Amino acid sequence: MSNANINVRTDAELKMQAKMIFESIGLDLSTAVNLFLKQTVKANNLPFIVGISYASPEEKTTQKRVSRRGVWKDKYSLPKDFDAPLDDFKEYM
């Protein structure tokens, strides 16, 4: 596989912020861009959703909570008495 160069103009502050994030997860800028390109080819599309969301800030918060819960939604819940599960172990404490 031969290498090819890509020259991209971007805001210096944006580049610095992105570079710091990538470095925090062990990537350099070149590797991160290559990951983006590979995921684009794999998906045959952008690897993320681009668009305008018309949800209000309150709806967005609810949507985030639901999406984080995903398949576990309505399968698990916290007891009303948070310490109740510990009652069985009080004799050992």
N, C-alpha and C. Protein backbone atom coordinates (compact mmCIF):
# COMPACT_ATOMS: atom_id res chain seq x y z
N MET A 1 0.85 -1.17 0.00
CA MET A 1 0.00 0.00 0.00
C MET A 1 0.89 1.23 0.00
N SER A 2 0.67 2.12 -0.93
CA SER A 2 1.47 3.34 -0.99
C SER A 2 0.80 4.43 -0.15
N ASN A 3 1.59 5.34 0.32
CA ASN A 3 1.08 6.44 1.14
C ASN A 3 0.71 7.62 0.27
N ALA A 4 -0.28 8.37 0.74
CA ALA A 4 -0.69 9.61 0.08
C ALA A 4 -0.83 10.69 1.15
N ASN A 5 -0.49 11.89 0.80
CA ASN A 5 -0.62 13.01 1.74
C ASN A 5 -1.94 13.72 1.53
N ILE A 6 -2.50 14.21 2.63
CA ILE A 6 -3.71 15.03 2.60
C ILE A 6 -3.37 16.33 3.31
N ASN A 7 -3.62 17.44 2.65
CA ASN A 7 -3.43 18.75 3.27
C ASN A 7 -4.80 19.33 3.59
N VAL A 8 -5.02 19.66 4.85
CA VAL A 8 -6.31 20.18 5.29
C VAL A 8 -6.07 21.49 6.03
N ARG A 9 -6.86 22.49 5.71
CA ARG A 9 -6.79 23.75 6.45
C ARG A 9 -7.89 23.73 7.50
N THR A 10 -7.51 24.08 8.72
CA THR A 10 -8.48 24.13 9.81
C THR A 10 -8.05 25.21 10.80
N ASP A 11 -8.91 25.54 11.69
CA ASP A 11 -8.63 26.51 12.73
C ASP A 11 -7.56 25.95 13.66
N ALA A 12 -6.57 26.77 14.00
CA ALA A 12 -5.47 26.32 14.85
C ALA A 12 -5.95 25.85 16.22
N GLU A 13 -6.93 26.56 16.80
CA GLU A 13 -7.46 26.18 18.11
C GLU A 13 -8.19 24.84 18.04
N LEU A 14 -8.97 24.64 16.99
CA LEU A 14 -9.67 23.36 16.80
C LEU A 14 -8.67 22.22 16.67
N LYS A 15 -7.63 22.44 15.90
CA LYS A 15 -6.60 21.40 15.73
C LYS A 15 -5.96 21.06 17.07
N MET A 16 -5.61 22.08 17.86
CA MET A 16 -4.97 21.84 19.15
C MET A 16 -5.90 21.06 20.09
N GLN A 17 -7.18 21.47 20.14
CA GLN A 17 -8.13 20.79 21.02
C GLN A 17 -8.32 19.33 20.60
N ALA A 18 -8.48 19.10 19.31
CA ALA A 18 -8.65 17.73 18.82
C ALA A 18 -7.40 16.91 19.10
N LYS A 19 -6.24 17.49 18.85
CA LYS A 19 -4.97 16.78 19.08
C LYS A 19 -4.83 16.36 20.54
N MET A 20 -5.23 17.24 21.46
CA MET A 20 -5.14 16.91 22.88
C MET A 20 -6.08 15.75 23.22
N ILE A 21 -7.27 15.76 22.66
CA ILE A 21 -8.22 14.66 22.91
C ILE A 21 -7.67 13.36 22.36
N PHE A 22 -7.18 13.39 21.13
CA PHE A 22 -6.63 12.17 20.53
C PHE A 22 -5.44 11.64 21.33
N GLU A 23 -4.57 12.53 21.76
CA GLU A 23 -3.42 12.11 22.56
C GLU A 23 -3.85 11.49 23.88
N SER A 24 -4.94 11.99 24.45
CA SER A 24 -5.41 11.45 25.73
C SER A 24 -5.89 10.01 25.60
N ILE A 25 -6.23 9.60 24.38
CA ILE A 25 -6.64 8.20 24.16
C ILE A 25 -5.59 7.43 23.37
N GLY A 26 -4.38 7.99 23.28
CA GLY A 26 -3.27 7.28 22.69
C GLY A 26 -3.17 7.33 21.18
N LEU A 27 -3.78 8.34 20.56
CA LEU A 27 -3.72 8.47 19.11
C LEU A 27 -3.02 9.76 18.72
N ASP A 28 -2.33 9.72 17.58
CA ASP A 28 -1.85 10.98 17.02
C ASP A 28 -2.87 11.45 15.99
N LEU A 29 -2.72 12.67 15.52
CA LEU A 29 -3.69 13.26 14.61
C LEU A 29 -3.81 12.46 13.31
N SER A 30 -2.69 11.99 12.80
CA SER A 30 -2.70 11.22 11.55
C SER A 30 -3.49 9.92 11.71
N THR A 31 -3.30 9.23 12.81
CA THR A 31 -4.02 7.98 13.06
C THR A 31 -5.52 8.25 13.22
N ALA A 32 -5.87 9.32 13.91
CA ALA A 32 -7.28 9.66 14.09
C ALA A 32 -7.95 9.96 12.75
N VAL A 33 -7.27 10.69 11.89
CA VAL A 33 -7.83 10.99 10.57
C VAL A 33 -7.98 9.70 9.77
N ASN A 34 -6.99 8.82 9.84
CA ASN A 34 -7.08 7.54 9.14
C ASN A 34 -8.23 6.69 9.67
N LEU A 35 -8.47 6.71 10.98
CA LEU A 35 -9.62 6.00 11.53
C LEU A 35 -10.93 6.55 10.97
N PHE A 36 -11.02 7.87 10.89
CA PHE A 36 -12.20 8.50 10.32
C PHE A 36 -12.40 8.04 8.87
N LEU A 37 -11.33 8.07 8.08
CA LEU A 37 -11.44 7.67 6.67
C LEU A 37 -11.83 6.19 6.53
N LYS A 38 -11.24 5.33 7.35
CA LYS A 38 -11.58 3.89 7.29
C LYS A 38 -13.03 3.65 7.67
N GLN A 39 -13.52 4.33 8.70
CA GLN A 39 -14.91 4.16 9.11
C GLN A 39 -15.86 4.71 8.05
N THR A 40 -15.46 5.77 7.36
CA THR A 40 -16.26 6.32 6.28
C THR A 40 -16.39 5.31 5.15
N VAL A 41 -15.28 4.69 4.78
CA VAL A 41 -15.30 3.69 3.71
C VAL A 41 -16.11 2.47 4.15
N LYS A 42 -15.93 2.03 5.38
CA LYS A 42 -16.66 0.87 5.88
C LYS A 42 -18.17 1.11 5.87
N ALA A 43 -18.60 2.31 6.29
CA ALA A 43 -20.02 2.63 6.35
C ALA A 43 -20.56 3.08 4.99
N ASN A 44 -19.66 3.38 4.07
CA ASN A 44 -20.03 3.95 2.78
C ASN A 44 -20.86 5.22 2.99
N ASN A 45 -20.51 5.93 4.06
CA ASN A 45 -21.22 7.14 4.47
C ASN A 45 -20.39 7.79 5.57
N LEU A 46 -20.83 8.92 6.06
CA LEU A 46 -20.17 9.49 7.23
C LEU A 46 -20.38 8.55 8.41
N PRO A 47 -19.39 8.38 9.27
CA PRO A 47 -19.53 7.45 10.40
C PRO A 47 -20.29 8.04 11.59
N PHE A 48 -21.03 9.09 11.37
CA PHE A 48 -21.85 9.71 12.40
C PHE A 48 -23.01 10.42 11.72
N ILE A 49 -24.02 10.77 12.50
CA ILE A 49 -25.20 11.42 11.96
C ILE A 49 -24.96 12.92 11.89
N VAL A 50 -25.24 13.49 10.73
CA VAL A 50 -25.13 14.93 10.56
C VAL A 50 -26.53 15.46 10.29
N GLY A 51 -26.90 16.49 11.02
CA GLY A 51 -28.22 17.07 10.79
C GLY A 51 -28.57 18.04 11.89
N ILE A 52 -29.73 18.59 11.73
CA ILE A 52 -30.24 19.55 12.71
C ILE A 52 -31.27 18.85 13.57
N SER A 53 -31.12 18.97 14.86
CA SER A 53 -32.08 18.40 15.79
C SER A 53 -33.06 19.50 16.18
N TYR A 54 -34.33 19.18 16.10
CA TYR A 54 -35.35 20.15 16.44
C TYR A 54 -35.89 19.94 17.85
N ALA A 55 -35.26 19.09 18.61
CA ALA A 55 -35.72 18.83 19.97
C ALA A 55 -35.32 19.98 20.89
N SER A 56 -36.16 20.24 21.86
CA SER A 56 -35.84 21.26 22.86
C SER A 56 -34.72 20.72 23.75
N PRO A 57 -34.03 21.60 24.49
CA PRO A 57 -32.97 21.13 25.39
C PRO A 57 -33.47 20.07 26.39
N GLU A 58 -34.71 20.21 26.86
CA GLU A 58 -35.25 19.23 27.81
C GLU A 58 -35.42 17.88 27.13
N GLU A 59 -35.92 17.89 25.90
CA GLU A 59 -36.11 16.65 25.15
C GLU A 59 -34.78 15.99 24.84
N LYS A 60 -33.75 16.80 24.53
CA LYS A 60 -32.44 16.26 24.23
C LYS A 60 -31.88 15.52 25.45
N THR A 61 -32.06 16.10 26.64
CA THR A 61 -31.58 15.47 27.87
C THR A 61 -32.27 14.12 28.06
N THR A 62 -33.57 14.08 27.86
CA THR A 62 -34.33 12.84 28.01
C THR A 62 -33.87 11.82 26.97
N GLN A 63 -33.67 12.26 25.73
CA GLN A 63 -33.21 11.36 24.68
C GLN A 63 -31.86 10.77 25.02
N LYS A 64 -30.94 11.58 25.56
CA LYS A 64 -29.62 11.08 25.94
C LYS A 64 -29.74 10.01 27.02
N ARG A 65 -30.61 10.27 28.01
CA ARG A 65 -30.77 9.30 29.10
C ARG A 65 -31.32 7.98 28.56
N VAL A 66 -32.30 8.05 27.69
CA VAL A 66 -32.89 6.84 27.14
C VAL A 66 -31.87 6.10 26.29
N SER A 67 -31.12 6.82 25.46
CA SER A 67 -30.16 6.15 24.59
C SER A 67 -29.03 5.52 25.40
N ARG A 68 -28.65 6.14 26.51
CA ARG A 68 -27.61 5.54 27.35
C ARG A 68 -28.11 4.26 28.01
N ARG A 69 -29.40 4.24 28.34
CA ARG A 69 -29.96 3.05 28.98
C ARG A 69 -30.16 1.94 27.95
N GLY A 70 -30.44 2.31 26.72
CA GLY A 70 -30.56 1.36 25.62
C GLY A 70 -31.41 0.14 25.93
N VAL A 71 -30.84 -1.05 25.72
CA VAL A 71 -31.59 -2.29 25.87
C VAL A 71 -31.97 -2.57 27.32
N TRP A 72 -31.36 -1.89 28.26
CA TRP A 72 -31.66 -2.15 29.67
C TRP A 72 -32.87 -1.37 30.15
N LYS A 73 -33.40 -0.50 29.29
CA LYS A 73 -34.54 0.33 29.68
C LYS A 73 -35.67 -0.54 30.22
N ASP A 74 -36.20 -0.18 31.35
CA ASP A 74 -37.34 -0.83 32.00
C ASP A 74 -37.03 -2.25 32.49
N LYS A 75 -35.78 -2.68 32.45
CA LYS A 75 -35.45 -4.02 32.94
C LYS A 75 -34.89 -3.97 34.36
N TYR A 76 -34.26 -2.86 34.70
CA TYR A 76 -33.68 -2.71 36.03
C TYR A 76 -34.08 -1.37 36.60
N SER A 77 -34.22 -1.33 37.90
CA SER A 77 -34.52 -0.06 38.56
C SER A 77 -33.89 -0.05 39.94
N LEU A 78 -33.71 1.13 40.49
CA LEU A 78 -33.17 1.25 41.84
C LEU A 78 -34.31 1.06 42.83
N PRO A 79 -34.04 0.40 43.95
CA PRO A 79 -35.09 0.25 44.96
C PRO A 79 -35.41 1.61 45.56
N LYS A 80 -36.63 1.74 46.07
CA LYS A 80 -37.03 3.00 46.70
C LYS A 80 -36.17 3.30 47.91
N ASP A 81 -35.85 2.27 48.68
CA ASP A 81 -34.95 2.41 49.82
C ASP A 81 -33.58 1.96 49.33
N PHE A 82 -32.69 2.91 49.11
CA PHE A 82 -31.40 2.60 48.51
C PHE A 82 -30.59 1.59 49.33
N ASP A 83 -30.73 1.60 50.64
CA ASP A 83 -29.97 0.69 51.50
C ASP A 83 -30.62 -0.68 51.65
N ALA A 84 -31.81 -0.87 51.11
CA ALA A 84 -32.53 -2.13 51.27
C ALA A 84 -31.71 -3.35 50.83
N PRO A 85 -31.00 -3.31 49.71
CA PRO A 85 -30.23 -4.49 49.32
C PRO A 85 -29.14 -4.86 50.33
N LEU A 86 -28.72 -3.89 51.16
CA LEU A 86 -27.68 -4.17 52.14
C LEU A 86 -28.21 -4.81 53.42
N ASP A 87 -29.52 -4.82 53.60
CA ASP A 87 -30.12 -5.35 54.82
C ASP A 87 -29.69 -6.80 55.08
N ASP A 88 -29.55 -7.59 54.03
CA ASP A 88 -29.16 -8.99 54.20
C ASP A 88 -27.74 -9.15 54.71
N PHE A 89 -26.93 -8.09 54.62
CA PHE A 89 -25.54 -8.19 54.99
C PHE A 89 -25.18 -7.42 56.25
N LYS A 90 -26.18 -6.88 56.94
CA LYS A 90 -25.93 -6.05 58.13
C LYS A 90 -25.19 -6.83 59.21
N GLU A 91 -25.47 -8.12 59.32
CA GLU A 91 -24.81 -8.90 60.38
C GLU A 91 -23.30 -9.02 60.13
N TYR A 92 -22.87 -8.82 58.90
CA TYR A 92 -21.45 -8.92 58.56
C TYR A 92 -20.73 -7.58 58.62
N MET A 93 -21.47 -6.51 58.80
CA MET A 93 -20.86 -5.17 58.82
C MET A 93 -20.48 -4.76 60.22
